[in-house]
Amino acid sequence: MTIELPRLKSYSRMKEVMTMYYMGAKMAEGSGQKMAWITSGAPVEFLYAADITPLYPENHAAMCGASRLANTLCSAAEEAGFSRDLCSYARTDIGAILTGTSPIGGLPKPDLLVCCNNICGTVTKWYQELQRHFDVPLVLLDVPYQYEKEDAAHVVSYLKDQLKGYIGTIEEVTGKSFDYDRFDEVVALSGEAADLWRSIQGMLAHKPAPMNSFDTFIHMAPIVTLRGTQLCLDYYRELEAELRERIEQGIGAVPVERFRLGWDNLAIWHQMNQLSRKFAEFDAALVVSTYTENFSYRGPIQDPNDHLLTYASTYIGGYINHGLDFREKELTRMVKDFSLDGFVMHSNRSCRAYSFGQYELARRMEEKHGVPTLMLEADMNDSRTWSDEQMNMRIAAFMETLTGRCAVM
């Protein structure tokens, strides 16, 4: 049985926005426009304020995964000596550099590399390899892992000092003084867009949810790549309006919403359509994701007179850069706020920082909070670890368990 899911009209607009973003960067290549490659968890607002075009190897790698190019590119990186145990995003992009293969013709050569380890430690070695390849400056923002439920003040201060050095490197690359007035404008746009993205995801608490977590994985692209721009803000205003219209008309992400589930970890890009339809077959909607919520994180310190301190607090890192107690607190909040019947946990072979501790989290959720969990062992980009038969059996067994629980209740 093939389930047809109602596609958001905003999907076409999102593709248009992202096409313009990448085409603009490609057309500017060789024109003197400064480019920076940056990790997804790094403070991009500084680049936009300095008129440096930010490009995201992770976003590019996800595009390669969704278009089924990742396996070929990962193999090329492995043949060049990179271990298969390395993150598949890194292998995908290294393979794209080595082969020139990409769904968008590759990313323009960077003038600057910006790496922030609030998402994982692998990016530090990945970006050092990129620095050796491109021979350009590398900014490494070191963000200590947060083991407690609350962020440590001394870590915020530590990161603030590094942001000052970040600005200094930007000035060296551009040959211009940093424009703090422009930075204030970018900060305002970024904060408004993050708030709107948080609000949009909060709309999935409605029953039925007007879109699902597989949609949010797709529609998070602007908040990652265009954060701090008017285009990003305008796009999410359009998406919000469409979701409000869906709510008013009673249109859900799946034809019948009987079960509501959360998702933990990155998307399995090469199985997005298949998974969304598979869960829909069981009348299940994925309505919240720890990963997409991470890009609307606000740090506990919000000082309008000290944007460096505010951004140091924000970029300590949300969900991924925190220990199990913080994550347990976040998952239980999501269960309450989104009326969840269970959690799907992607034990991601490539992302150890995200996956480490998931089995303990699953145990806590089930034993302490009575929330069933499904563990899917896969890889976000490399489909060579995927088995349709095994995953279909696991999903069917999990949904049968939820059905049995509902019958008893």
Protein backbone atom coordinates (compact mmCIF):
# COMPACT_ATOMS: atom_id res chain seq x y z
CA MET A 1 0.00 0.00 0.00
CA THR A 2 1.41 3.38 -1.03
CA ILE A 3 0.52 6.25 1.28
CA GLU A 4 0.21 9.66 -0.37
CA LEU A 5 1.22 12.46 1.95
CA PRO A 6 0.07 16.05 1.33
CA ARG A 7 3.12 18.08 0.34
CA LEU A 8 3.51 21.59 1.68
CA LYS A 9 3.27 24.33 -0.93
CA SER A 10 6.26 25.94 0.79
CA TYR A 11 8.44 23.06 -0.36
CA SER A 12 8.72 24.59 -3.83
CA ARG A 13 9.59 27.96 -2.34
CA MET A 14 12.23 26.36 -0.13
CA LYS A 15 13.87 24.71 -3.16
CA GLU A 16 13.82 28.08 -4.92
CA VAL A 17 15.43 29.82 -1.93
CA MET A 18 18.18 27.20 -1.60
CA THR A 19 18.81 27.17 -5.35
CA MET A 20 19.24 30.95 -5.27
CA TYR A 21 21.60 30.60 -2.32
CA TYR A 22 23.88 28.09 -4.03
CA MET A 23 23.65 29.71 -7.48
CA GLY A 24 24.56 33.06 -5.94
CA ALA A 25 27.65 31.53 -4.36
CA LYS A 26 28.66 29.74 -7.56
CA MET A 27 28.17 32.85 -9.70
CA ALA A 28 30.26 34.89 -7.25
CA GLU A 29 33.14 32.42 -7.47
CA GLY A 30 36.22 34.17 -8.82
CA SER A 31 34.67 37.63 -8.43
CA GLY A 32 36.55 38.54 -5.27
CA GLN A 33 33.56 37.80 -3.04
CA LYS A 34 34.88 36.19 0.15
CA MET A 35 33.61 32.70 0.98
CA ALA A 36 33.75 30.72 4.21
CA TRP A 37 33.08 27.06 4.85
CA ILE A 38 31.48 26.71 8.27
CA THR A 39 30.15 23.96 10.52
CA SER A 40 26.41 23.91 11.19
CA GLY A 41 26.76 24.78 14.88
CA ALA A 42 29.09 27.77 14.39
CA PRO A 43 28.05 31.44 14.77
CA VAL A 44 27.33 32.45 11.18
CA GLU A 45 26.03 35.94 11.99
CA PHE A 46 29.59 37.30 12.11
CA LEU A 47 30.15 36.24 8.50
CA TYR A 48 26.98 37.84 7.17
CA ALA A 49 27.85 41.04 9.03
CA ALA A 50 31.22 41.08 7.22
CA ASP A 51 29.67 40.29 3.80
CA ILE A 52 31.32 36.86 3.68
CA THR A 53 29.22 34.16 2.01
CA PRO A 54 28.89 31.16 4.36
CA LEU A 55 28.75 27.64 2.89
CA TYR A 56 28.01 24.46 4.83
CA PRO A 57 29.78 21.22 3.89
CA GLU A 58 27.30 19.33 6.13
CA ASN A 59 24.32 20.75 4.25
CA HIS A 60 26.01 19.90 0.97
CA ALA A 61 26.70 16.36 2.22
CA ALA A 62 23.05 15.94 3.23
CA MET A 63 22.02 17.00 -0.29
CA CYS A 64 24.36 14.34 -1.67
CA GLY A 65 22.80 11.78 0.69
CA ALA A 66 19.25 12.68 -0.30
CA SER A 67 20.19 12.44 -3.99
CA ARG A 68 21.84 9.02 -3.44
CA LEU A 69 25.35 10.24 -4.37
CA ALA A 70 26.85 9.72 -0.92
CA ASN A 71 27.86 6.08 -1.34
CA THR A 72 29.95 6.84 -4.42
CA LEU A 73 31.59 9.84 -2.76
CA CYS A 74 32.25 7.99 0.50
CA SER A 75 33.92 5.21 -1.50
CA ALA A 76 36.14 7.76 -3.26
CA ALA A 77 37.27 9.15 0.10
CA GLU A 78 37.92 5.63 1.40
CA GLU A 79 40.01 4.80 -1.67
CA ALA A 80 42.08 7.91 -0.88
CA GLY A 81 42.85 6.51 2.57
CA PHE A 82 40.05 7.88 4.77
CA SER A 83 38.58 5.29 7.13
CA ARG A 84 35.03 4.07 6.69
CA ASP A 85 34.63 4.73 10.41
CA LEU A 86 34.93 8.46 9.72
CA CYS A 87 31.73 10.56 9.69
CA SER A 88 29.88 10.01 6.41
CA TYR A 89 29.35 13.78 6.02
CA ALA A 90 33.13 14.23 6.06
CA ARG A 91 33.68 11.32 3.67
CA THR A 92 30.96 12.60 1.35
CA ASP A 93 32.44 16.09 1.08
CA ILE A 94 36.03 14.89 0.84
CA GLY A 95 34.88 12.54 -1.94
CA ALA A 96 33.15 15.46 -3.68
CA ILE A 97 36.35 17.52 -3.52
CA LEU A 98 38.44 14.65 -4.87
CA THR A 99 36.07 13.68 -7.70
CA GLY A 100 34.35 16.97 -8.54
CA THR A 101 31.01 15.17 -8.25
CA SER A 102 28.13 17.05 -6.62
CA PRO A 103 24.42 17.72 -7.23
CA ILE A 104 25.23 21.45 -7.37
CA GLY A 105 28.64 21.31 -9.06
CA GLY A 106 30.55 21.47 -5.79
CA LEU A 107 31.09 24.28 -3.29
CA PRO A 108 33.19 27.33 -4.25
CA LYS A 109 36.72 27.36 -2.82
CA PRO A 110 36.78 28.94 0.66
CA ASP A 111 38.82 31.95 1.77
CA LEU A 112 38.18 31.04 5.42
CA LEU A 113 37.26 27.94 7.40
CA VAL A 114 35.16 28.26 10.58
CA CYS A 115 34.82 25.22 12.81
CA CYS A 116 32.93 25.00 16.10
CA ASN A 117 33.08 21.74 18.08
CA ASN A 118 29.74 22.25 19.83
CA ILE A 119 28.30 19.60 17.50
CA CYS A 120 31.09 17.01 17.68
CA GLY A 121 34.84 16.56 17.89
CA THR A 122 35.17 15.04 14.43
CA VAL A 123 34.73 18.42 12.75
CA THR A 124 38.04 19.63 14.19
CA LYS A 125 40.03 16.97 12.32
CA TRP A 126 37.80 17.30 9.24
CA TYR A 127 38.45 21.05 9.04
CA GLN A 128 42.16 20.60 9.65
CA GLU A 129 42.17 18.34 6.59
CA LEU A 130 40.29 21.03 4.65
CA GLN A 131 42.86 23.60 5.76
CA ARG A 132 45.69 21.40 4.47
CA HIS A 133 43.86 21.03 1.16
CA PHE A 134 42.86 24.67 0.59
CA ASP A 135 45.65 26.42 2.56
CA VAL A 136 43.39 29.13 4.03
CA PRO A 137 42.94 30.43 7.60
CA LEU A 138 41.04 28.22 10.04
CA VAL A 139 39.09 29.51 13.04
CA LEU A 140 38.45 26.80 15.62
CA LEU A 141 35.93 27.74 18.30
CA ASP A 142 36.37 25.40 21.25
CA VAL A 143 33.16 24.82 23.23
CA PRO A 144 33.56 22.54 26.27
CA TYR A 145 30.96 19.81 26.68
CA GLN A 146 28.27 20.64 29.24
CA TYR A 147 27.70 17.76 31.67
CA GLU A 148 25.15 19.45 33.91
CA LYS A 149 21.51 20.37 33.29
CA GLU A 150 22.44 24.06 33.18
CA ASP A 151 25.19 25.84 31.23
CA ALA A 152 28.32 26.91 33.12
CA ALA A 153 28.97 30.68 33.27
CA HIS A 154 32.75 30.29 32.95
CA VAL A 155 32.28 28.41 29.65
CA VAL A 156 30.22 31.31 28.30
CA SER A 157 33.00 33.73 29.20
CA TYR A 158 35.59 31.40 27.63
CA LEU A 159 33.70 31.32 24.34
CA LYS A 160 33.11 35.08 24.36
CA ASP A 161 36.87 35.65 24.40
CA GLN A 162 37.22 33.34 21.39
CA LEU A 163 34.55 35.28 19.48
CA LYS A 164 36.76 38.36 19.77
CA GLY A 165 39.54 36.41 18.06
CA TYR A 166 37.03 35.24 15.42
CA ILE A 167 36.29 38.88 14.60
CA GLY A 168 40.01 39.59 14.33
CA THR A 169 40.48 36.81 11.77
CA ILE A 170 37.48 38.05 9.77
CA GLU A 171 39.09 41.50 9.64
CA GLU A 172 42.34 39.97 8.37
CA VAL A 173 40.52 38.01 5.64
CA THR A 174 38.40 40.94 4.45
CA GLY A 175 40.98 43.67 5.00
CA LYS A 176 38.24 45.76 6.64
CA SER A 177 37.22 46.73 10.15
CA PHE A 178 34.33 44.69 11.50
CA ASP A 179 31.01 46.52 11.09
CA TYR A 180 29.35 46.29 14.51
CA ASP A 181 26.29 48.26 13.39
CA ARG A 182 25.71 45.74 10.61
CA PHE A 183 26.29 42.96 13.13
CA ASP A 184 23.48 44.37 15.30
CA GLU A 185 21.14 44.22 12.29
CA VAL A 186 22.11 40.64 11.50
CA VAL A 187 21.70 39.62 15.14
CA ALA A 188 18.17 41.04 15.19
CA LEU A 189 17.21 39.13 12.02
CA SER A 190 18.80 35.96 13.33
CA GLY A 191 16.99 36.12 16.66
CA GLU A 192 13.64 36.77 15.00
CA ALA A 193 14.14 33.89 12.57
CA ALA A 194 15.17 31.50 15.38
CA ASP A 195 12.09 32.48 17.38
CA LEU A 196 9.89 31.93 14.32
CA TRP A 197 11.48 28.53 13.60
CA ARG A 198 10.85 27.57 17.23
CA SER A 199 7.24 28.72 16.93
CA ILE A 200 6.76 26.77 13.69
CA GLN A 201 7.99 23.58 15.31
CA GLY A 202 5.75 24.29 18.28
CA MET A 203 2.76 24.27 15.91
CA LEU A 204 3.27 20.52 15.52
CA ALA A 205 1.84 20.14 19.02
CA HIS A 206 -1.54 20.67 17.36
CA LYS A 207 -3.60 17.55 16.63
CA PRO A 208 -3.34 16.63 13.83
CA ALA A 209 0.17 17.98 13.28
CA PRO A 210 0.20 20.19 10.14
CA MET A 211 3.61 18.80 9.11
CA ASN A 212 5.92 16.12 10.48
CA SER A 213 9.55 15.84 11.53
CA PHE A 214 10.58 14.64 8.09
CA ASP A 215 9.26 17.97 6.79
CA THR A 216 11.19 19.91 9.42
CA PHE A 217 14.41 18.17 8.36
CA ILE A 218 13.86 19.58 4.88
CA HIS A 219 12.63 23.00 5.93
CA MET A 220 15.44 23.60 8.42
CA ALA A 221 17.82 24.41 5.54
CA PRO A 222 17.26 28.21 5.62
CA ILE A 223 17.79 28.51 9.40
CA VAL A 224 21.14 26.77 8.96
CA THR A 225 22.43 28.43 5.79
CA LEU A 226 20.66 31.83 5.77
CA ARG A 227 20.36 32.60 9.47
CA GLY A 228 20.69 36.35 9.93
CA THR A 229 19.23 37.33 6.54
CA GLN A 230 15.89 38.88 5.60
CA LEU A 231 15.35 36.07 3.10
CA CYS A 232 15.43 33.50 5.90
CA LEU A 233 12.91 35.45 7.96
CA ASP A 234 10.57 35.98 5.00
CA TYR A 235 10.66 32.29 4.15
CA TYR A 236 9.61 31.19 7.63
CA ARG A 237 6.81 33.75 7.70
CA GLU A 238 5.45 32.10 4.54
CA LEU A 239 5.81 28.61 6.04
CA GLU A 240 4.12 29.68 9.27
CA ALA A 241 1.18 31.14 7.33
CA GLU A 242 0.73 27.89 5.41
CA LEU A 243 0.79 25.83 8.61
CA ARG A 244 -1.81 28.09 10.20
CA GLU A 245 -3.98 27.58 7.14
CA ARG A 246 -3.55 23.81 7.44
CA ILE A 247 -4.51 23.90 11.11
CA GLU A 248 -7.64 25.92 10.33
CA GLN A 249 -8.61 23.43 7.63
CA GLY A 250 -7.77 20.38 9.73
CA ILE A 251 -5.09 19.13 7.31
CA GLY A 252 -2.59 16.78 8.94
CA ALA A 253 0.85 15.58 7.88
CA VAL A 254 -0.49 12.02 7.59
CA PRO A 255 -3.96 10.95 6.41
CA VAL A 256 -4.83 9.53 9.85
CA GLU A 257 -2.96 10.57 12.97
CA ARG A 258 -3.40 7.93 15.67
CA PHE A 259 0.12 7.91 17.14
CA ARG A 260 2.49 10.80 17.81
CA LEU A 261 6.22 10.13 17.95
CA GLY A 262 9.45 12.05 18.55
CA TRP A 263 12.72 11.62 16.64
CA ASP A 264 16.19 11.74 18.17
CA ASN A 265 19.37 12.31 16.10
CA LEU A 266 19.98 13.38 12.50
CA ALA A 267 17.76 12.37 9.62
CA ILE A 268 18.48 9.25 7.59
CA TRP A 269 18.69 11.28 4.42
CA HIS A 270 18.65 8.40 1.98
CA GLN A 271 15.42 7.00 3.50
CA MET A 272 13.38 10.14 4.17
CA ASN A 273 10.47 9.39 1.82
CA GLN A 274 10.39 5.70 2.66
CA LEU A 275 10.37 6.28 6.42
CA SER A 276 7.71 8.99 6.30
CA ARG A 277 5.43 6.67 4.32
CA LYS A 278 6.24 3.64 6.46
CA PHE A 279 5.20 5.39 9.67
CA ALA A 280 2.14 6.84 7.94
CA GLU A 281 1.05 3.29 7.10
CA PHE A 282 0.72 2.78 10.85
CA ASP A 283 -1.13 6.10 11.32
CA ALA A 284 1.93 7.57 13.04
CA ALA A 285 3.15 11.16 12.73
CA LEU A 286 6.66 12.20 13.78
CA VAL A 287 5.95 15.56 15.40
CA VAL A 288 9.15 16.74 17.08
CA SER A 289 12.88 16.27 16.55
CA THR A 290 15.76 17.02 18.91
CA TYR A 291 17.95 17.88 15.92
CA THR A 292 15.77 20.50 14.25
CA GLU A 293 14.90 22.07 17.60
CA ASN A 294 18.62 22.47 18.18
CA PHE A 295 18.69 25.26 15.59
CA SER A 296 16.28 27.40 17.59
CA TYR A 297 18.20 27.05 20.85
CA ARG A 298 18.59 30.20 22.92
CA GLY A 299 21.24 30.34 25.62
CA PRO A 300 20.23 31.31 29.17
CA ILE A 301 22.06 34.66 28.89
CA GLN A 302 20.27 37.15 26.63
CA ASP A 303 21.93 40.54 27.06
CA PRO A 304 20.82 43.15 24.46
CA ASN A 305 23.84 45.28 25.40
CA ASP A 306 26.39 42.48 24.97
CA HIS A 307 25.80 40.47 21.80
CA LEU A 308 29.09 38.60 22.15
CA LEU A 309 28.02 37.31 25.57
CA THR A 310 24.57 36.45 24.23
CA TYR A 311 26.02 34.52 21.31
CA ALA A 312 28.55 32.77 23.49
CA SER A 313 25.63 31.57 25.60
CA THR A 314 23.60 30.49 22.57
CA TYR A 315 26.40 28.71 20.76
CA ILE A 316 27.37 26.60 23.74
CA GLY A 317 25.20 24.29 21.81
CA GLY A 318 21.68 23.25 22.70
CA TYR A 319 20.89 19.56 22.87
CA ILE A 320 23.94 17.96 21.27
CA ASN A 321 26.61 19.55 23.47
CA HIS A 322 24.99 18.47 26.74
CA GLY A 323 25.07 15.37 28.91
CA LEU A 324 22.44 12.72 29.52
CA ASP A 325 20.62 14.51 32.35
CA PHE A 326 20.01 17.54 30.12
CA ARG A 327 18.91 15.30 27.25
CA GLU A 328 16.55 13.32 29.47
CA LYS A 329 15.00 16.59 30.62
CA GLU A 330 14.53 17.69 27.01
CA LEU A 331 12.97 14.40 25.92
CA THR A 332 10.50 14.37 28.80
CA ARG A 333 9.56 17.98 27.98
CA MET A 334 8.86 16.97 24.40
CA VAL A 335 6.72 14.04 25.52
CA LYS A 336 4.56 16.44 27.52
CA ASP A 337 4.47 19.37 25.08
CA PHE A 338 3.78 17.25 21.99
CA SER A 339 1.64 14.49 23.57
CA LEU A 340 4.03 11.77 22.42
CA ASP A 341 3.27 8.05 22.46
CA GLY A 342 6.92 7.11 21.95
CA PHE A 343 10.36 8.04 20.62
CA VAL A 344 12.25 6.87 17.55
CA MET A 345 16.00 6.97 18.19
CA HIS A 346 18.38 6.87 15.25
CA SER A 347 21.56 5.23 16.52
CA ASN A 348 23.71 6.96 13.95
CA ARG A 349 26.89 5.11 12.97
CA SER A 350 28.45 8.36 11.77
CA CYS A 351 27.51 10.68 14.61
CA ARG A 352 28.95 9.25 17.80
CA ALA A 353 28.56 12.51 19.71
CA TYR A 354 24.80 12.33 19.16
CA SER A 355 24.42 8.56 19.49
CA PHE A 356 26.59 7.98 22.55
CA GLY A 357 24.32 7.34 25.51
CA GLN A 358 21.16 6.76 23.48
CA TYR A 359 20.63 3.26 24.86
CA GLU A 360 20.85 4.66 28.38
CA LEU A 361 18.41 7.43 27.42
CA ALA A 362 16.06 4.82 25.97
CA ARG A 363 16.23 2.85 29.22
CA ARG A 364 15.48 5.97 31.28
CA MET A 365 12.57 6.97 29.05
CA GLU A 366 11.02 3.52 29.28
CA GLU A 367 11.70 2.70 32.93
CA LYS A 368 11.39 6.14 34.55
CA HIS A 369 8.83 7.80 32.30
CA GLY A 370 6.95 4.92 30.70
CA VAL A 371 7.74 6.10 27.16
CA PRO A 372 8.41 3.31 24.60
CA THR A 373 11.40 3.77 22.29
CA LEU A 374 12.40 2.32 18.94
CA MET A 375 16.13 2.15 18.13
CA LEU A 376 17.01 2.29 14.43
CA GLU A 377 20.68 1.52 13.77
CA ALA A 378 21.69 3.26 10.54
CA ASP A 379 23.83 6.05 9.06
CA MET A 380 22.66 9.50 8.08
CA ASN A 381 24.34 9.42 4.66
CA ASP A 382 25.93 6.04 3.94
CA SER A 383 23.16 3.63 2.88
CA ARG A 384 25.52 0.65 2.80
CA THR A 385 24.55 0.02 6.44
CA TRP A 386 20.80 0.03 5.67
CA SER A 387 18.50 -3.01 5.43
CA ASP A 388 14.90 -2.47 4.32
CA GLU A 389 13.78 -5.83 5.67
CA GLN A 390 15.34 -5.37 9.10
CA MET A 391 14.06 -1.80 9.53
CA ASN A 392 10.54 -2.65 8.36
CA MET A 393 10.39 -5.51 10.87
CA ARG A 394 11.56 -3.26 13.72
CA ILE A 395 9.09 -0.51 12.88
CA ALA A 396 6.21 -2.99 12.55
CA ALA A 397 7.05 -4.60 15.91
CA PHE A 398 7.28 -1.22 17.62
CA MET A 399 3.99 -0.01 16.21
CA GLU A 400 2.35 -3.28 17.23
CA THR A 401 3.57 -2.61 20.78
CA LEU A 402 2.05 0.88 20.72
CA THR A 403 -1.22 -0.50 19.40
CA GLY A 404 -1.31 -3.04 22.22
CA ARG A 405 -0.62 -0.35 24.83
CA CYS A 406 -3.45 1.79 23.47
CA ALA A 407 -5.83 -1.19 23.54
CA VAL A 408 -5.02 -1.83 27.21
CA MET A 409 -5.34 1.84 28.12
